[in-house]
All heavy atoms as atom14 arrays in JSON, in Angstrom:
{
  "sequence": "LRVAFTRIRRKLQDAGLEGGVISAYSGVGYIL",
  "atom14_mask": [
    [1, 1, 1, 1, 1, 1, 1, 1, 0, 0, 0, 0, 0, 0],
    [1, 1, 1, 1, 1, 1, 1, 1, 1, 1, 1, 0, 0, 0],
    [1, 1, 1, 1, 1, 1, 1, 0, 0, 0, 0, 0, 0, 0],
    [1, 1, 1, 1, 1, 0, 0, 0, 0, 0, 0, 0, 0, 0],
    [1, 1, 1, 1, 1, 1, 1, 1, 1, 1, 1, 0, 0, 0],
    [1, 1, 1, 1, 1, 1, 1, 0, 0, 0, 0, 0, 0, 0],
    [1, 1, 1, 1, 1, 1, 1, 1, 1, 1, 1, 0, 0, 0],
    [1, 1, 1, 1, 1, 1, 1, 1, 0, 0, 0, 0, 0, 0],
    [1, 1, 1, 1, 1, 1, 1, 1, 1, 1, 1, 0, 0, 0],
    [1, 1, 1, 1, 1, 1, 1, 1, 1, 1, 1, 0, 0, 0],
    [1, 1, 1, 1, 1, 1, 1, 1, 1, 0, 0, 0, 0, 0],
    [1, 1, 1, 1, 1, 1, 1, 1, 0, 0, 0, 0, 0, 0],
    [1, 1, 1, 1, 1, 1, 1, 1, 1, 0, 0, 0, 0, 0],
    [1, 1, 1, 1, 1, 1, 1, 1, 0, 0, 0, 0, 0, 0],
    [1, 1, 1, 1, 1, 0, 0, 0, 0, 0, 0, 0, 0, 0],
    [1, 1, 1, 1, 0, 0, 0, 0, 0, 0, 0, 0, 0, 0],
    [1, 1, 1, 1, 1, 1, 1, 1, 0, 0, 0, 0, 0, 0],
    [1, 1, 1, 1, 1, 1, 1, 1, 1, 0, 0, 0, 0, 0],
    [1, 1, 1, 1, 0, 0, 0, 0, 0, 0, 0, 0, 0, 0],
    [1, 1, 1, 1, 0, 0, 0, 0, 0, 0, 0, 0, 0, 0],
    [1, 1, 1, 1, 1, 1, 1, 0, 0, 0, 0, 0, 0, 0],
    [1, 1, 1, 1, 1, 1, 1, 1, 0, 0, 0, 0, 0, 0],
    [1, 1, 1, 1, 1, 1, 0, 0, 0, 0, 0, 0, 0, 0],
    [1, 1, 1, 1, 1, 0, 0, 0, 0, 0, 0, 0, 0, 0],
    [1, 1, 1, 1, 1, 1, 1, 1, 1, 1, 1, 1, 0, 0],
    [1, 1, 1, 1, 1, 1, 0, 0, 0, 0, 0, 0, 0, 0],
    [1, 1, 1, 1, 0, 0, 0, 0, 0, 0, 0, 0, 0, 0],
    [1, 1, 1, 1, 1, 1, 1, 0, 0, 0, 0, 0, 0, 0],
    [1, 1, 1, 1, 0, 0, 0, 0, 0, 0, 0, 0, 0, 0],
    [1, 1, 1, 1, 1, 1, 1, 1, 1, 1, 1, 1, 0, 0],
    [1, 1, 1, 1, 1, 1, 1, 1, 0, 0, 0, 0, 0, 0],
    [1, 1, 1, 1, 1, 1, 1, 1, 0, 0, 0, 0, 0, 0]
  ],
  "atom14_positions": [
    [[0.82, -1.21, 0.0], [0.0, 0.0, 0.0], [0.86, 1.26, 0.0], [0.55, 2.22, -0.71], [-0.93, 0.0, 1.21], [-2.01, -1.09, 1.25], [-2.75, -1.04, 2.59], [-2.98, -0.94, 0.1], [0.0, 0.0, 0.0], [0.0, 0.0, 0.0], [0.0, 0.0, 0.0], [0.0, 0.0, 0.0], [0.0, 0.0, 0.0], [0.0, 0.0, 0.0]],
    [[1.93, 1.25, 0.79], [2.79, 2.43, 0.84], [3.37, 2.75, -0.53], [3.4, 3.91, -0.95], [3.91, 2.22, 1.87], [3.45, 2.31, 3.31], [4.62, 2.43, 4.26], [5.37, 1.18, 4.35], [5.11, 0.24, 5.25], [4.13, 0.41, 6.12], [5.85, -0.85, 5.29], [0.0, 0.0, 0.0], [0.0, 0.0, 0.0], [0.0, 0.0, 0.0]],
    [[3.84, 1.73, -1.23], [4.42, 1.93, -2.55], [3.37, 2.46, -3.52], [3.59, 3.44, -4.24], [5.01, 0.61, -3.09], [5.35, 0.74, -4.58], [6.26, 0.24, -2.31], [0.0, 0.0, 0.0], [0.0, 0.0, 0.0], [0.0, 0.0, 0.0], [0.0, 0.0, 0.0], [0.0, 0.0, 0.0], [0.0, 0.0, 0.0], [0.0, 0.0, 0.0]],
    [[2.19, 1.83, -3.53], [1.14, 2.22, -4.48], [0.64, 3.63, -4.23], [0.48, 4.43, -5.16], [-0.02, 1.22, -4.43], [0.0, 0.0, 0.0], [0.0, 0.0, 0.0], [0.0, 0.0, 0.0], [0.0, 0.0, 0.0], [0.0, 0.0, 0.0], [0.0, 0.0, 0.0], [0.0, 0.0, 0.0], [0.0, 0.0, 0.0], [0.0, 0.0, 0.0]],
    [[0.39, 3.98, -2.96], [-0.15, 5.3, -2.66], [0.91, 6.4, -2.86], [0.56, 7.54, -3.17], [-0.73, 5.35, -1.26], [-2.13, 4.78, -1.18], [-2.4, 3.64, -0.46], [-3.16, 5.4, -1.87], [-3.68, 3.11, -0.41], [-4.45, 4.88, -1.82], [-4.71, 3.73, -1.09], [0.0, 0.0, 0.0], [0.0, 0.0, 0.0], [0.0, 0.0, 0.0]],
    [[2.17, 6.07, -2.69], [3.23, 7.04, -3.02], [3.18, 7.41, -4.49], [3.28, 8.58, -4.87], [4.61, 6.47, -2.67], [4.71, 6.28, -1.25], [5.71, 7.42, -3.12], [0.0, 0.0, 0.0], [0.0, 0.0, 0.0], [0.0, 0.0, 0.0], [0.0, 0.0, 0.0], [0.0, 0.0, 0.0], [0.0, 0.0, 0.0], [0.0, 0.0, 0.0]],
    [[2.98, 6.4, -5.34], [2.9, 6.65, -6.77], [1.63, 7.44, -7.13], [1.66, 8.34, -7.97], [2.93, 5.31, -7.53], [4.26, 4.59, -7.43], [4.17, 3.17, -7.98], [3.9, 3.19, -9.42], [4.85, 3.16, -10.35], [6.13, 3.14, -10.01], [4.53, 3.15, -11.63], [0.0, 0.0, 0.0], [0.0, 0.0, 0.0], [0.0, 0.0, 0.0]],
    [[0.51, 7.1, -6.5], [-0.74, 7.81, -6.77], [-0.61, 9.28, -6.37], [-1.0, 10.18, -7.13], [-1.91, 7.15, -6.02], [-2.18, 5.75, -6.57], [-3.18, 8.01, -6.13], [-3.15, 4.94, -5.73], [0.0, 0.0, 0.0], [0.0, 0.0, 0.0], [0.0, 0.0, 0.0], [0.0, 0.0, 0.0], [0.0, 0.0, 0.0], [0.0, 0.0, 0.0]],
    [[-0.08, 9.54, -5.17], [0.08, 10.92, -4.72], [0.96, 11.71, -5.68], [0.67, 12.88, -5.99], [0.7, 10.94, -3.32], [-0.22, 10.46, -2.19], [0.44, 10.76, -0.87], [-0.29, 10.25, 0.27], [0.06, 9.17, 0.96], [1.12, 8.46, 0.59], [-0.66, 8.77, 2.0], [0.0, 0.0, 0.0], [0.0, 0.0, 0.0], [0.0, 0.0, 0.0]],
    [[2.04, 11.1, -6.13], [2.96, 11.79, -7.04], [2.25, 12.17, -8.34], [2.43, 13.29, -8.86], [4.16, 10.89, -7.33], [5.25, 11.57, -8.17], [6.36, 10.59, -8.51], [6.87, 9.93, -7.31], [6.97, 8.61, -7.17], [6.58, 7.81, -8.14], [7.47, 8.11, -6.07], [0.0, 0.0, 0.0], [0.0, 0.0, 0.0], [0.0, 0.0, 0.0]],
    [[1.43, 11.27, -8.87], [0.72, 11.56, -10.11], [-0.32, 12.65, -9.92], [-0.51, 13.5, -10.81], [0.09, 10.28, -10.66], [1.12, 9.26, -11.13], [0.48, 7.95, -11.59], [1.56, 6.94, -12.0], [0.97, 5.67, -12.46], [0.0, 0.0, 0.0], [0.0, 0.0, 0.0], [0.0, 0.0, 0.0], [0.0, 0.0, 0.0], [0.0, 0.0, 0.0]],
    [[-1.01, 12.64, -8.78], [-1.98, 13.7, -8.5], [-1.28, 15.06, -8.38], [-1.77, 16.07, -8.9], [-2.75, 13.38, -7.22], [-3.7, 12.17, -7.27], [-4.26, 11.9, -5.88], [-4.82, 12.39, -8.26], [0.0, 0.0, 0.0], [0.0, 0.0, 0.0], [0.0, 0.0, 0.0], [0.0, 0.0, 0.0], [0.0, 0.0, 0.0], [0.0, 0.0, 0.0]],
    [[-0.15, 15.07, -7.7], [0.59, 16.32, -7.54], [1.14, 16.81, -8.88], [1.13, 18.02, -9.16], [1.72, 16.13, -6.54], [1.21, 15.94, -5.11], [2.31, 15.55, -4.14], [3.44, 15.29, -4.55], [1.98, 15.51, -2.86], [0.0, 0.0, 0.0], [0.0, 0.0, 0.0], [0.0, 0.0, 0.0], [0.0, 0.0, 0.0], [0.0, 0.0, 0.0]],
    [[1.6, 15.9, -9.71], [2.1, 16.27, -11.04], [0.99, 16.89, -11.89], [1.27, 17.69, -12.8], [2.69, 15.06, -11.77], [4.01, 14.6, -11.17], [4.61, 15.37, -10.39], [4.45, 13.47, -11.48], [0.0, 0.0, 0.0], [0.0, 0.0, 0.0], [0.0, 0.0, 0.0], [0.0, 0.0, 0.0], [0.0, 0.0, 0.0], [0.0, 0.0, 0.0]],
    [[-0.27, 16.5, -11.6], [-1.41, 17.06, -12.34], [-1.91, 18.37, -11.74], [-2.9, 18.93, -12.21], [-2.54, 16.04, -12.4], [0.0, 0.0, 0.0], [0.0, 0.0, 0.0], [0.0, 0.0, 0.0], [0.0, 0.0, 0.0], [0.0, 0.0, 0.0], [0.0, 0.0, 0.0], [0.0, 0.0, 0.0], [0.0, 0.0, 0.0], [0.0, 0.0, 0.0]],
    [[-1.25, 18.84, -10.67], [-1.59, 20.13, -10.1], [-2.46, 20.1, -8.87], [-2.9, 21.16, -8.39], [0.0, 0.0, 0.0], [0.0, 0.0, 0.0], [0.0, 0.0, 0.0], [0.0, 0.0, 0.0], [0.0, 0.0, 0.0], [0.0, 0.0, 0.0], [0.0, 0.0, 0.0], [0.0, 0.0, 0.0], [0.0, 0.0, 0.0], [0.0, 0.0, 0.0]],
    [[-2.73, 18.92, -8.31], [-3.56, 18.83, -7.1], [-2.64, 18.81, -5.88], [-2.0, 17.81, -5.59], [-4.43, 17.58, -7.14], [-5.52, 17.48, -6.07], [-6.49, 18.64, -6.18], [-6.27, 16.17, -6.2], [0.0, 0.0, 0.0], [0.0, 0.0, 0.0], [0.0, 0.0, 0.0], [0.0, 0.0, 0.0], [0.0, 0.0, 0.0], [0.0, 0.0, 0.0]],
    [[-2.56, 19.92, -5.19], [-1.63, 20.04, -4.07], [-2.3, 19.69, -2.74], [-3.52, 19.67, -2.63], [-1.08, 21.47, -4.0], [-0.33, 21.91, -5.26], [0.91, 21.09, -5.51], [1.47, 20.53, -4.54], [1.33, 21.0, -6.68], [0.0, 0.0, 0.0], [0.0, 0.0, 0.0], [0.0, 0.0, 0.0], [0.0, 0.0, 0.0], [0.0, 0.0, 0.0]],
    [[-1.48, 19.46, -1.74], [-2.0, 19.22, -0.41], [-2.17, 17.74, -0.1], [-1.96, 16.87, -0.93], [0.0, 0.0, 0.0], [0.0, 0.0, 0.0], [0.0, 0.0, 0.0], [0.0, 0.0, 0.0], [0.0, 0.0, 0.0], [0.0, 0.0, 0.0], [0.0, 0.0, 0.0], [0.0, 0.0, 0.0], [0.0, 0.0, 0.0], [0.0, 0.0, 0.0]],
    [[-2.6, 17.47, 1.14], [-2.75, 16.09, 1.59], [-4.08, 15.51, 1.19], [-4.96, 15.29, 2.03], [0.0, 0.0, 0.0], [0.0, 0.0, 0.0], [0.0, 0.0, 0.0], [0.0, 0.0, 0.0], [0.0, 0.0, 0.0], [0.0, 0.0, 0.0], [0.0, 0.0, 0.0], [0.0, 0.0, 0.0], [0.0, 0.0, 0.0], [0.0, 0.0, 0.0]],
    [[-4.24, 15.24, -0.1], [-5.5, 14.69, -0.6], [-5.73, 13.28, -0.07], [-6.84, 12.91, 0.31], [-5.52, 14.69, -2.15], [-6.83, 14.11, -2.67], [-5.32, 16.09, -2.68], [0.0, 0.0, 0.0], [0.0, 0.0, 0.0], [0.0, 0.0, 0.0], [0.0, 0.0, 0.0], [0.0, 0.0, 0.0], [0.0, 0.0, 0.0], [0.0, 0.0, 0.0]],
    [[-4.68, 12.48, -0.05], [-4.75, 11.12, 0.48], [-3.89, 11.05, 1.73], [-2.7, 11.39, 1.69], [-4.28, 10.07, -0.55], [-5.2, 10.08, -1.77], [-4.24, 8.68, 0.08], [-4.75, 9.15, -2.89], [0.0, 0.0, 0.0], [0.0, 0.0, 0.0], [0.0, 0.0, 0.0], [0.0, 0.0, 0.0], [0.0, 0.0, 0.0], [0.0, 0.0, 0.0]],
    [[-4.48, 10.61, 2.82], [-3.75, 10.53, 4.09], [-3.74, 9.1, 4.6], [-4.7, 8.34, 4.39], [-4.39, 11.44, 5.14], [-4.38, 12.78, 4.72], [0.0, 0.0, 0.0], [0.0, 0.0, 0.0], [0.0, 0.0, 0.0], [0.0, 0.0, 0.0], [0.0, 0.0, 0.0], [0.0, 0.0, 0.0], [0.0, 0.0, 0.0], [0.0, 0.0, 0.0]],
    [[-2.65, 8.74, 5.27], [-2.54, 7.43, 5.91], [-2.82, 7.58, 7.4], [-2.25, 8.46, 8.05], [-1.15, 6.86, 5.69], [0.0, 0.0, 0.0], [0.0, 0.0, 0.0], [0.0, 0.0, 0.0], [0.0, 0.0, 0.0], [0.0, 0.0, 0.0], [0.0, 0.0, 0.0], [0.0, 0.0, 0.0], [0.0, 0.0, 0.0], [0.0, 0.0, 0.0]],
    [[-3.71, 6.75, 7.91], [-3.97, 6.68, 9.34], [-3.18, 5.5, 9.88], [-3.5, 4.35, 9.6], [-5.46, 6.51, 9.63], [-6.23, 7.82, 9.64], [-6.33, 8.6, 8.49], [-6.84, 8.27, 10.8], [-7.02, 9.8, 8.5], [-7.55, 9.47, 10.82], [-7.63, 10.23, 9.66], [-8.31, 11.41, 9.67], [0.0, 0.0, 0.0], [0.0, 0.0, 0.0]],
    [[-2.11, 5.79, 10.63], [-1.19, 4.76, 11.1], [-1.93, 3.63, 11.81], [-2.7, 3.86, 12.75], [-0.15, 5.38, 12.03], [0.75, 4.4, 12.49], [0.0, 0.0, 0.0], [0.0, 0.0, 0.0], [0.0, 0.0, 0.0], [0.0, 0.0, 0.0], [0.0, 0.0, 0.0], [0.0, 0.0, 0.0], [0.0, 0.0, 0.0], [0.0, 0.0, 0.0]],
    [[-1.69, 2.42, 11.33], [-2.29, 1.25, 11.94], [-3.73, 1.02, 11.58], [-4.34, 0.05, 12.05], [0.0, 0.0, 0.0], [0.0, 0.0, 0.0], [0.0, 0.0, 0.0], [0.0, 0.0, 0.0], [0.0, 0.0, 0.0], [0.0, 0.0, 0.0], [0.0, 0.0, 0.0], [0.0, 0.0, 0.0], [0.0, 0.0, 0.0], [0.0, 0.0, 0.0]],
    [[-4.31, 1.9, 10.74], [-5.74, 1.78, 10.42], [-5.97, 1.62, 8.93], [-6.45, 0.59, 8.46], [-6.53, 3.01, 10.94], [-8.02, 2.84, 10.62], [-6.32, 3.19, 12.43], [0.0, 0.0, 0.0], [0.0, 0.0, 0.0], [0.0, 0.0, 0.0], [0.0, 0.0, 0.0], [0.0, 0.0, 0.0], [0.0, 0.0, 0.0], [0.0, 0.0, 0.0]],
    [[-5.66, 2.66, 8.15], [-5.93, 2.59, 6.72], [-5.64, 3.91, 6.02], [-4.8, 4.69, 6.49], [0.0, 0.0, 0.0], [0.0, 0.0, 0.0], [0.0, 0.0, 0.0], [0.0, 0.0, 0.0], [0.0, 0.0, 0.0], [0.0, 0.0, 0.0], [0.0, 0.0, 0.0], [0.0, 0.0, 0.0], [0.0, 0.0, 0.0], [0.0, 0.0, 0.0]],
    [[-6.35, 4.16, 4.93], [-6.14, 5.36, 4.12], [-7.48, 6.07, 3.9], [-8.54, 5.45, 3.88], [-5.53, 5.01, 2.76], [-4.07, 4.62, 2.84], [-3.69, 3.32, 3.2], [-3.07, 5.55, 2.57], [-2.35, 2.97, 3.29], [-1.73, 5.2, 2.67], [-1.37, 3.92, 3.02], [-0.05, 3.57, 3.11], [0.0, 0.0, 0.0], [0.0, 0.0, 0.0]],
    [[-7.39, 7.41, 3.72], [-8.58, 8.22, 3.51], [-8.32, 9.22, 2.4], [-7.23, 9.78, 2.29], [-8.99, 8.95, 4.81], [-10.28, 9.74, 4.61], [-7.86, 9.85, 5.3], [-10.82, 10.34, 5.92], [0.0, 0.0, 0.0], [0.0, 0.0, 0.0], [0.0, 0.0, 0.0], [0.0, 0.0, 0.0], [0.0, 0.0, 0.0], [0.0, 0.0, 0.0]],
    [[-9.31, 9.42, 1.55], [-9.29, 10.45, 0.53], [-10.13, 11.62, 1.03], [-11.29, 11.44, 1.4], [-9.86, 9.93, -0.8], [-10.03, 10.96, -1.92], [-8.67, 11.44, -2.42], [-10.83, 10.36, -3.08], [0.0, 0.0, 0.0], [0.0, 0.0, 0.0], [0.0, 0.0, 0.0], [0.0, 0.0, 0.0], [0.0, 0.0, 0.0], [0.0, 0.0, 0.0]]
  ]
}
């Protein structure tokens, strides 16, 4: 998950979407 979401975040940022759009909740999961 860490690898995949790192790539997703990078692509979103490259498209101009800044900020913490996707966040990781330690020990729980991910949120958009």
